[in-house]
Amino acid sequence: MSNIARNINSISERIQSAAKKSDRNPADITLLAVSKKQSSAAIRQAYHHGQRHFGENYLQEALQKQDELADIPDIEWHFIGPVQSNKTRKIAENFDWLHTIDRISIAERISRQRPIGLPPLNVCLQVNIDHEPNKAGVDEKETAELAVAVTRLPAIKLRGLMTIPSAANGPEQQHAAFAKLNQLLKQLQSLCPELATLDTLSMGMSADLEVAVEEGSTLVRIGTDIFGLRQ
């Protein structure tokens, strides 16, 4: 068994343990392998061990890997990096998920540029849950307005919320931040019928996976603990 396979097993065990602790079904939690700065060969290894969801931060790097792995039909590609206006077309054309919508102008461009014939692009709103001045993300007080606007766009499907809490957070602050995002999702679900079907909380990375799962995460983003140090 490869190191990547062993690491995926280890992460899966951590997810199962955290889910059991919080009386959740581990099957409700998706493992997103963050493969930025990793090789196509490493992604292929993870795929052969059952991994299907892969997250990329850098567009050109991701497009190259998609070309190199074009023989694999069922990888789901997630874009989890910041989105600039000049990158929206390629994201709209080549990804299944986008986790970092934080303004309506980007959502509108993505919707216009999503090719006819592809299913709607799954998107999450990135929320700046700790109000960090230099971090991307919509303010929680503005999330409802943005969510309603995004649901009206034809070629994207709003799935839920994403956050990256402050790196300075200790365990108590981590719990509070993730719980706040979970509560925000519930508020959106009750706001109007268009938002009632939101089902995704993209939160939790290697260092805070357990806390995120305990607070309701449905998708955890794990990189180094699967692939090792970045190349």
C-alpha atoms as a PDB file:
ATOM      1  CA  MET A   1       0.000   0.000   0.000  1.00  0.00           C
ATOM      2  CA  SER A   2       1.315   3.463  -0.922  1.00  0.00           C
ATOM      3  CA  ASN A   3       1.785   6.278   1.574  1.00  0.00           C
ATOM      4  CA  ILE A   4      -1.102   8.131  -0.078  1.00  0.00           C
ATOM      5  CA  ALA A   5      -3.396   5.135   0.365  1.00  0.00           C
ATOM      6  CA  ARG A   6      -2.401   4.806   4.017  1.00  0.00           C
ATOM      7  CA  ASN A   7      -2.968   8.517   4.543  1.00  0.00           C
ATOM      8  CA  ILE A   8      -6.443   8.378   3.002  1.00  0.00           C
ATOM      9  CA  ASN A   9      -7.272   5.472   5.298  1.00  0.00           C
ATOM     10  CA  SER A  10      -6.030   7.479   8.272  1.00  0.00           C
ATOM     11  CA  ILE A  11      -8.085  10.550   7.342  1.00  0.00           C
ATOM     12  CA  SER A  12     -11.159   8.383   6.802  1.00  0.00           C
ATOM     13  CA  GLU A  13     -10.700   6.919  10.273  1.00  0.00           C
ATOM     14  CA  ARG A  14     -10.437  10.433  11.739  1.00  0.00           C
ATOM     15  CA  ILE A  15     -13.657  11.440   9.967  1.00  0.00           C
ATOM     16  CA  GLN A  16     -15.449   8.335  11.207  1.00  0.00           C
ATOM     17  CA  SER A  17     -14.281   8.901  14.774  1.00  0.00           C
ATOM     18  CA  ALA A  18     -15.334  12.559  14.793  1.00  0.00           C
ATOM     19  CA  ALA A  19     -18.667  11.696  13.208  1.00  0.00           C
ATOM     20  CA  LYS A  20     -19.323   9.007  15.799  1.00  0.00           C
ATOM     21  CA  LYS A  21     -18.476  11.450  18.594  1.00  0.00           C
ATOM     22  CA  SER A  22     -21.080  13.901  17.289  1.00  0.00           C
ATOM     23  CA  ASP A  23     -23.669  11.219  16.431  1.00  0.00           C
ATOM     24  CA  ARG A  24     -23.349  11.803  12.692  1.00  0.00           C
ATOM     25  CA  ASN A  25     -23.204   9.467   9.717  1.00  0.00           C
ATOM     26  CA  PRO A  26     -19.664   9.456   8.254  1.00  0.00           C
ATOM     27  CA  ALA A  27     -21.214   8.914   4.823  1.00  0.00           C
ATOM     28  CA  ASP A  28     -22.565  12.468   5.031  1.00  0.00           C
ATOM     29  CA  ILE A  29     -19.030  13.897   5.027  1.00  0.00           C
ATOM     30  CA  THR A  30     -17.065  14.202   1.777  1.00  0.00           C
ATOM     31  CA  LEU A  31     -13.275  14.108   1.756  1.00  0.00           C
ATOM     32  CA  LEU A  32     -11.872  16.676  -0.664  1.00  0.00           C
ATOM     33  CA  ALA A  33      -8.213  15.945  -1.427  1.00  0.00           C
ATOM     34  CA  VAL A  34      -6.445  19.280  -1.874  1.00  0.00           C
ATOM     35  CA  SER A  35      -3.978  18.477  -4.634  1.00  0.00           C
ATOM     36  CA  LYS A  36      -2.416  21.871  -5.317  1.00  0.00           C
ATOM     37  CA  LYS A  37       1.343  21.626  -5.932  1.00  0.00           C
ATOM     38  CA  GLN A  38       0.995  17.840  -6.163  1.00  0.00           C
ATOM     39  CA  SER A  39       1.681  15.791  -9.265  1.00  0.00           C
ATOM     40  CA  SER A  40      -0.814  14.146 -11.551  1.00  0.00           C
ATOM     41  CA  ALA A  41       0.778  10.836 -10.572  1.00  0.00           C
ATOM     42  CA  ALA A  42      -0.079  11.490  -6.915  1.00  0.00           C
ATOM     43  CA  ILE A  43      -3.658  12.324  -7.846  1.00  0.00           C
ATOM     44  CA  ARG A  44      -3.826   9.118  -9.860  1.00  0.00           C
ATOM     45  CA  GLN A  45      -2.632   7.131  -6.838  1.00  0.00           C
ATOM     46  CA  ALA A  46      -5.325   8.678  -4.667  1.00  0.00           C
ATOM     47  CA  TYR A  47      -7.927   7.997  -7.339  1.00  0.00           C
ATOM     48  CA  HIS A  48      -6.994   4.324  -7.480  1.00  0.00           C
ATOM     49  CA  HIS A  49      -7.546   4.190  -3.726  1.00  0.00           C
ATOM     50  CA  GLY A  50     -11.107   5.426  -4.136  1.00  0.00           C
ATOM     51  CA  GLN A  51     -10.664   9.188  -3.904  1.00  0.00           C
ATOM     52  CA  ARG A  52     -12.852  11.099  -6.360  1.00  0.00           C
ATOM     53  CA  HIS A  53     -12.974  14.743  -5.207  1.00  0.00           C
ATOM     54  CA  PHE A  54      -9.868  16.892  -5.774  1.00  0.00           C
ATOM     55  CA  GLY A  55      -9.379  20.572  -4.935  1.00  0.00           C
ATOM     56  CA  GLU A  56      -7.087  22.965  -6.786  1.00  0.00           C
ATOM     57  CA  ASN A  57      -6.095  26.557  -5.969  1.00  0.00           C
ATOM     58  CA  TYR A  58      -4.144  27.574  -9.064  1.00  0.00           C
ATOM     59  CA  LEU A  59      -5.932  27.619 -12.394  1.00  0.00           C
ATOM     60  CA  GLN A  60      -3.117  26.952 -14.884  1.00  0.00           C
ATOM     61  CA  GLU A  61      -1.698  24.171 -12.744  1.00  0.00           C
ATOM     62  CA  ALA A  62      -5.142  22.615 -12.450  1.00  0.00           C
ATOM     63  CA  LEU A  63      -5.823  22.778 -16.183  1.00  0.00           C
ATOM     64  CA  GLN A  64      -2.556  21.000 -16.915  1.00  0.00           C
ATOM     65  CA  LYS A  65      -3.444  18.201 -14.493  1.00  0.00           C
ATOM     66  CA  GLN A  66      -6.903  17.887 -16.002  1.00  0.00           C
ATOM     67  CA  ASP A  67      -5.281  17.363 -19.412  1.00  0.00           C
ATOM     68  CA  GLU A  68      -2.882  14.782 -17.997  1.00  0.00           C
ATOM     69  CA  LEU A  69      -5.725  12.920 -16.258  1.00  0.00           C
ATOM     70  CA  ALA A  70      -8.258  13.199 -19.075  1.00  0.00           C
ATOM     71  CA  ASP A  71      -8.451   9.407 -19.295  1.00  0.00           C
ATOM     72  CA  ILE A  72     -10.160   9.317 -15.882  1.00  0.00           C
ATOM     73  CA  PRO A  73     -13.841  10.097 -16.437  1.00  0.00           C
ATOM     74  CA  ASP A  74     -15.243  10.518 -12.942  1.00  0.00           C
ATOM     75  CA  ILE A  75     -12.931  12.873 -11.068  1.00  0.00           C
ATOM     76  CA  GLU A  76     -14.837  15.809  -9.578  1.00  0.00           C
ATOM     77  CA  TRP A  77     -12.714  18.945  -9.780  1.00  0.00           C
ATOM     78  CA  HIS A  78     -13.206  21.647  -7.138  1.00  0.00           C
ATOM     79  CA  PHE A  79     -11.717  25.117  -7.497  1.00  0.00           C
ATOM     80  CA  ILE A  80     -10.944  26.399  -3.999  1.00  0.00           C
ATOM     81  CA  GLY A  81      -8.648  29.337  -4.692  1.00  0.00           C
ATOM     82  CA  PRO A  82      -9.398  33.038  -5.084  1.00  0.00           C
ATOM     83  CA  VAL A  83     -11.255  33.919  -8.279  1.00  0.00           C
ATOM     84  CA  GLN A  84     -10.121  36.785 -10.487  1.00  0.00           C
ATOM     85  CA  SER A  85     -12.316  38.092 -13.283  1.00  0.00           C
ATOM     86  CA  ASN A  86      -9.893  36.989 -15.990  1.00  0.00           C
ATOM     87  CA  LYS A  87     -10.082  33.369 -14.744  1.00  0.00           C
ATOM     88  CA  THR A  88     -13.831  32.912 -14.570  1.00  0.00           C
ATOM     89  CA  ARG A  89     -14.300  31.494 -18.067  1.00  0.00           C
ATOM     90  CA  LYS A  90     -11.810  28.669 -17.612  1.00  0.00           C
ATOM     91  CA  ILE A  91     -13.259  27.884 -14.183  1.00  0.00           C
ATOM     92  CA  ALA A  92     -16.768  27.834 -15.636  1.00  0.00           C
ATOM     93  CA  GLU A  93     -15.658  25.525 -18.435  1.00  0.00           C
ATOM     94  CA  ASN A  94     -13.526  23.038 -16.510  1.00  0.00           C
ATOM     95  CA  PHE A  95     -14.720  22.551 -12.928  1.00  0.00           C
ATOM     96  CA  ASP A  96     -17.575  20.815 -11.143  1.00  0.00           C
ATOM     97  CA  TRP A  97     -17.438  22.939  -7.968  1.00  0.00           C
ATOM     98  CA  LEU A  98     -16.354  26.446  -6.999  1.00  0.00           C
ATOM     99  CA  HIS A  99     -15.996  27.163  -3.273  1.00  0.00           C
ATOM    100  CA  THR A 100     -14.969  30.819  -3.248  1.00  0.00           C
ATOM    101  CA  ILE A 101     -17.817  33.005  -4.476  1.00  0.00           C
ATOM    102  CA  ASP A 102     -17.877  36.187  -2.394  1.00  0.00           C
ATOM    103  CA  ARG A 103     -19.458  38.760  -4.715  1.00  0.00           C
ATOM    104  CA  ILE A 104     -22.278  38.777  -7.207  1.00  0.00           C
ATOM    105  CA  SER A 105     -20.173  40.055 -10.116  1.00  0.00           C
ATOM    106  CA  ILE A 106     -18.069  36.884 -10.123  1.00  0.00           C
ATOM    107  CA  ALA A 107     -21.155  34.685  -9.827  1.00  0.00           C
ATOM    108  CA  GLU A 108     -22.758  36.458 -12.777  1.00  0.00           C
ATOM    109  CA  ARG A 109     -19.662  35.978 -14.946  1.00  0.00           C
ATOM    110  CA  ILE A 110     -19.468  32.296 -14.044  1.00  0.00           C
ATOM    111  CA  SER A 111     -23.145  31.830 -14.891  1.00  0.00           C
ATOM    112  CA  ARG A 112     -22.802  33.549 -18.271  1.00  0.00           C
ATOM    113  CA  GLN A 113     -19.679  31.598 -19.158  1.00  0.00           C
ATOM    114  CA  ARG A 114     -20.791  28.115 -18.116  1.00  0.00           C
ATOM    115  CA  PRO A 115     -21.014  26.148 -21.387  1.00  0.00           C
ATOM    116  CA  ILE A 116     -24.397  24.979 -22.605  1.00  0.00           C
ATOM    117  CA  GLY A 117     -24.608  21.230 -22.158  1.00  0.00           C
ATOM    118  CA  LEU A 118     -22.762  21.123 -18.859  1.00  0.00           C
ATOM    119  CA  PRO A 119     -24.758  20.782 -15.634  1.00  0.00           C
ATOM    120  CA  PRO A 120     -24.939  23.861 -13.410  1.00  0.00           C
ATOM    121  CA  LEU A 121     -21.691  24.573 -11.588  1.00  0.00           C
ATOM    122  CA  ASN A 122     -21.976  23.761  -7.879  1.00  0.00           C
ATOM    123  CA  VAL A 123     -20.898  26.797  -5.841  1.00  0.00           C
ATOM    124  CA  CYS A 124     -20.375  27.762  -2.220  1.00  0.00           C
ATOM    125  CA  LEU A 125     -20.243  31.248  -0.796  1.00  0.00           C
ATOM    126  CA  GLN A 126     -17.004  31.970   1.030  1.00  0.00           C
ATOM    127  CA  VAL A 127     -17.791  33.627   4.364  1.00  0.00           C
ATOM    128  CA  ASN A 128     -15.189  35.633   6.292  1.00  0.00           C
ATOM    129  CA  ILE A 129     -16.438  34.211   9.553  1.00  0.00           C
ATOM    130  CA  ASP A 130     -13.782  35.829  11.777  1.00  0.00           C
ATOM    131  CA  HIS A 131     -13.975  39.250  10.067  1.00  0.00           C
ATOM    132  CA  GLU A 132     -10.282  39.238   9.154  1.00  0.00           C
ATOM    133  CA  PRO A 133      -9.508  42.422   7.196  1.00  0.00           C
ATOM    134  CA  ASN A 134      -7.059  40.815   4.758  1.00  0.00           C
ATOM    135  CA  LYS A 135      -9.023  37.652   4.048  1.00  0.00           C
ATOM    136  CA  ALA A 136     -11.469  37.081   1.190  1.00  0.00           C
ATOM    137  CA  GLY A 137     -15.092  36.261   1.886  1.00  0.00           C
ATOM    138  CA  VAL A 138     -18.459  37.875   2.282  1.00  0.00           C
ATOM    139  CA  ASP A 139     -19.440  39.276   5.675  1.00  0.00           C
ATOM    140  CA  GLU A 140     -21.968  37.088   7.431  1.00  0.00           C
ATOM    141  CA  LYS A 141     -24.431  40.010   7.575  1.00  0.00           C
ATOM    142  CA  GLU A 142     -24.352  40.263   3.773  1.00  0.00           C
ATOM    143  CA  THR A 143     -24.526  36.533   3.080  1.00  0.00           C
ATOM    144  CA  ALA A 144     -28.312  36.250   2.801  1.00  0.00           C
ATOM    145  CA  GLU A 145     -28.538  38.988   0.164  1.00  0.00           C
ATOM    146  CA  LEU A 146     -25.765  37.406  -1.872  1.00  0.00           C
ATOM    147  CA  ALA A 147     -27.250  33.919  -1.524  1.00  0.00           C
ATOM    148  CA  VAL A 148     -30.645  35.022  -2.830  1.00  0.00           C
ATOM    149  CA  ALA A 149     -29.036  36.773  -5.782  1.00  0.00           C
ATOM    150  CA  VAL A 150     -26.902  33.739  -6.666  1.00  0.00           C
ATOM    151  CA  THR A 151     -29.890  31.379  -6.632  1.00  0.00           C
ATOM    152  CA  ARG A 152     -31.464  33.462  -9.421  1.00  0.00           C
ATOM    153  CA  LEU A 153     -28.595  32.775 -11.819  1.00  0.00           C
ATOM    154  CA  PRO A 154     -29.317  30.050 -14.371  1.00  0.00           C
ATOM    155  CA  ALA A 155     -26.089  28.112 -14.861  1.00  0.00           C
ATOM    156  CA  ILE A 156     -24.853  27.727 -11.298  1.00  0.00           C
ATOM    157  CA  LYS A 157     -26.293  25.928  -8.303  1.00  0.00           C
ATOM    158  CA  LEU A 158     -25.745  27.320  -4.832  1.00  0.00           C
ATOM    159  CA  ARG A 159     -24.922  24.394  -2.536  1.00  0.00           C
ATOM    160  CA  GLY A 160     -23.851  26.051   0.702  1.00  0.00           C
ATOM    161  CA  LEU A 161     -21.115  27.911   2.548  1.00  0.00           C
ATOM    162  CA  MET A 162     -17.348  27.713   2.905  1.00  0.00           C
ATOM    163  CA  THR A 163     -15.008  29.272   5.435  1.00  0.00           C
ATOM    164  CA  ILE A 164     -11.372  29.323   6.532  1.00  0.00           C
ATOM    165  CA  PRO A 165     -11.225  30.405  10.178  1.00  0.00           C
ATOM    166  CA  SER A 166      -8.386  32.452  11.579  1.00  0.00           C
ATOM    167  CA  ALA A 167      -5.139  30.510  11.860  1.00  0.00           C
ATOM    168  CA  ALA A 168      -4.735  31.987  15.337  1.00  0.00           C
ATOM    169  CA  ASN A 169      -7.852  30.247  16.630  1.00  0.00           C
ATOM    170  CA  GLY A 170      -7.516  27.753  19.460  1.00  0.00           C
ATOM    171  CA  PRO A 171      -9.942  24.846  19.919  1.00  0.00           C
ATOM    172  CA  GLU A 172     -12.663  26.935  21.553  1.00  0.00           C
ATOM    173  CA  GLN A 173     -12.478  29.615  18.872  1.00  0.00           C
ATOM    174  CA  GLN A 174     -12.477  26.931  16.158  1.00  0.00           C
ATOM    175  CA  HIS A 175     -15.649  25.426  17.570  1.00  0.00           C
ATOM    176  CA  ALA A 176     -17.258  28.861  17.753  1.00  0.00           C
ATOM    177  CA  ALA A 177     -16.351  29.784  14.175  1.00  0.00           C
ATOM    178  CA  PHE A 178     -17.601  26.526  12.680  1.00  0.00           C
ATOM    179  CA  ALA A 179     -20.763  26.595  14.795  1.00  0.00           C
ATOM    180  CA  LYS A 180     -21.429  30.130  13.567  1.00  0.00           C
ATOM    181  CA  LEU A 181     -21.191  29.021   9.938  1.00  0.00           C
ATOM    182  CA  ASN A 182     -23.507  26.084  10.617  1.00  0.00           C
ATOM    183  CA  GLN A 183     -26.035  28.419  12.199  1.00  0.00           C
ATOM    184  CA  LEU A 184     -25.749  30.796   9.259  1.00  0.00           C
ATOM    185  CA  LEU A 185     -26.533  27.959   6.862  1.00  0.00           C
ATOM    186  CA  LYS A 186     -29.620  27.049   8.891  1.00  0.00           C
ATOM    187  CA  GLN A 187     -30.768  30.668   8.800  1.00  0.00           C
ATOM    188  CA  LEU A 188     -30.425  30.708   5.017  1.00  0.00           C
ATOM    189  CA  GLN A 189     -32.322  27.430   4.695  1.00  0.00           C
ATOM    190  CA  SER A 190     -35.265  28.926   6.564  1.00  0.00           C
ATOM    191  CA  LEU A 191     -35.208  32.226   4.700  1.00  0.00           C
ATOM    192  CA  CYS A 192     -36.982  31.210   1.478  1.00  0.00           C
ATOM    193  CA  PRO A 193     -37.800  28.071  -0.552  1.00  0.00           C
ATOM    194  CA  GLU A 194     -34.925  28.696  -2.976  1.00  0.00           C
ATOM    195  CA  LEU A 195     -32.426  28.309  -0.130  1.00  0.00           C
ATOM    196  CA  ALA A 196     -34.120  25.434   1.674  1.00  0.00           C
ATOM    197  CA  THR A 197     -32.124  22.836  -0.271  1.00  0.00           C
ATOM    198  CA  LEU A 198     -28.671  24.125   0.700  1.00  0.00           C
ATOM    199  CA  ASP A 199     -26.736  21.096   1.902  1.00  0.00           C
ATOM    200  CA  THR A 200     -23.015  21.897   2.055  1.00  0.00           C
ATOM    201  CA  LEU A 201     -20.698  23.215   4.745  1.00  0.00           C
ATOM    202  CA  SER A 202     -17.179  23.259   3.295  1.00  0.00           C
ATOM    203  CA  MET A 203     -15.070  23.677   6.405  1.00  0.00           C
ATOM    204  CA  GLY A 204     -12.224  21.921   8.127  1.00  0.00           C
ATOM    205  CA  MET A 205      -8.650  21.169   7.105  1.00  0.00           C
ATOM    206  CA  SER A 206      -5.913  18.900   8.434  1.00  0.00           C
ATOM    207  CA  ALA A 207      -5.436  20.692  11.744  1.00  0.00           C
ATOM    208  CA  ASP A 208      -9.115  21.225  12.609  1.00  0.00           C
ATOM    209  CA  LEU A 209     -10.856  18.349  10.839  1.00  0.00           C
ATOM    210  CA  GLU A 210     -12.379  16.868  13.999  1.00  0.00           C
ATOM    211  CA  VAL A 211     -13.723  20.184  15.248  1.00  0.00           C
ATOM    212  CA  ALA A 212     -15.282  20.938  11.866  1.00  0.00           C
ATOM    213  CA  VAL A 213     -16.989  17.549  11.670  1.00  0.00           C
ATOM    214  CA  GLU A 214     -18.328  17.906  15.194  1.00  0.00           C
ATOM    215  CA  GLU A 215     -19.802  21.268  14.209  1.00  0.00           C
ATOM    216  CA  GLY A 216     -21.536  19.974  11.081  1.00  0.00           C
ATOM    217  CA  SER A 217     -19.054  20.041   8.208  1.00  0.00           C
ATOM    218  CA  THR A 218     -20.188  18.066   5.168  1.00  0.00           C
ATOM    219  CA  LEU A 219     -16.935  18.516   3.233  1.00  0.00           C
ATOM    220  CA  VAL A 220     -13.414  18.648   4.655  1.00  0.00           C
ATOM    221  CA  ARG A 221     -10.456  19.907   2.614  1.00  0.00           C
ATOM    222  CA  ILE A 222      -7.300  17.894   3.330  1.00  0.00           C
ATOM    223  CA  GLY A 223      -3.987  18.346   1.549  1.00  0.00           C
ATOM    224  CA  THR A 224      -0.688  17.674   3.333  1.00  0.00           C
ATOM    225  CA  ASP A 225      -2.090  14.899   5.508  1.00  0.00           C
ATOM    226  CA  ILE A 226      -2.942  12.990   2.312  1.00  0.00           C
ATOM    227  CA  PHE A 227      -0.118  13.855  -0.089  1.00  0.00           C
ATOM    228  CA  GLY A 228       2.683  14.928   2.205  1.00  0.00           C
ATOM    229  CA  LEU A 229       4.657  18.124   1.732  1.00  0.00           C
ATOM    230  CA  ARG A 230       3.888  20.144  -1.395  1.00  0.00           C
ATOM    231  CA  GLN A 231       6.281  19.963  -4.292  1.00  0.00           C
END
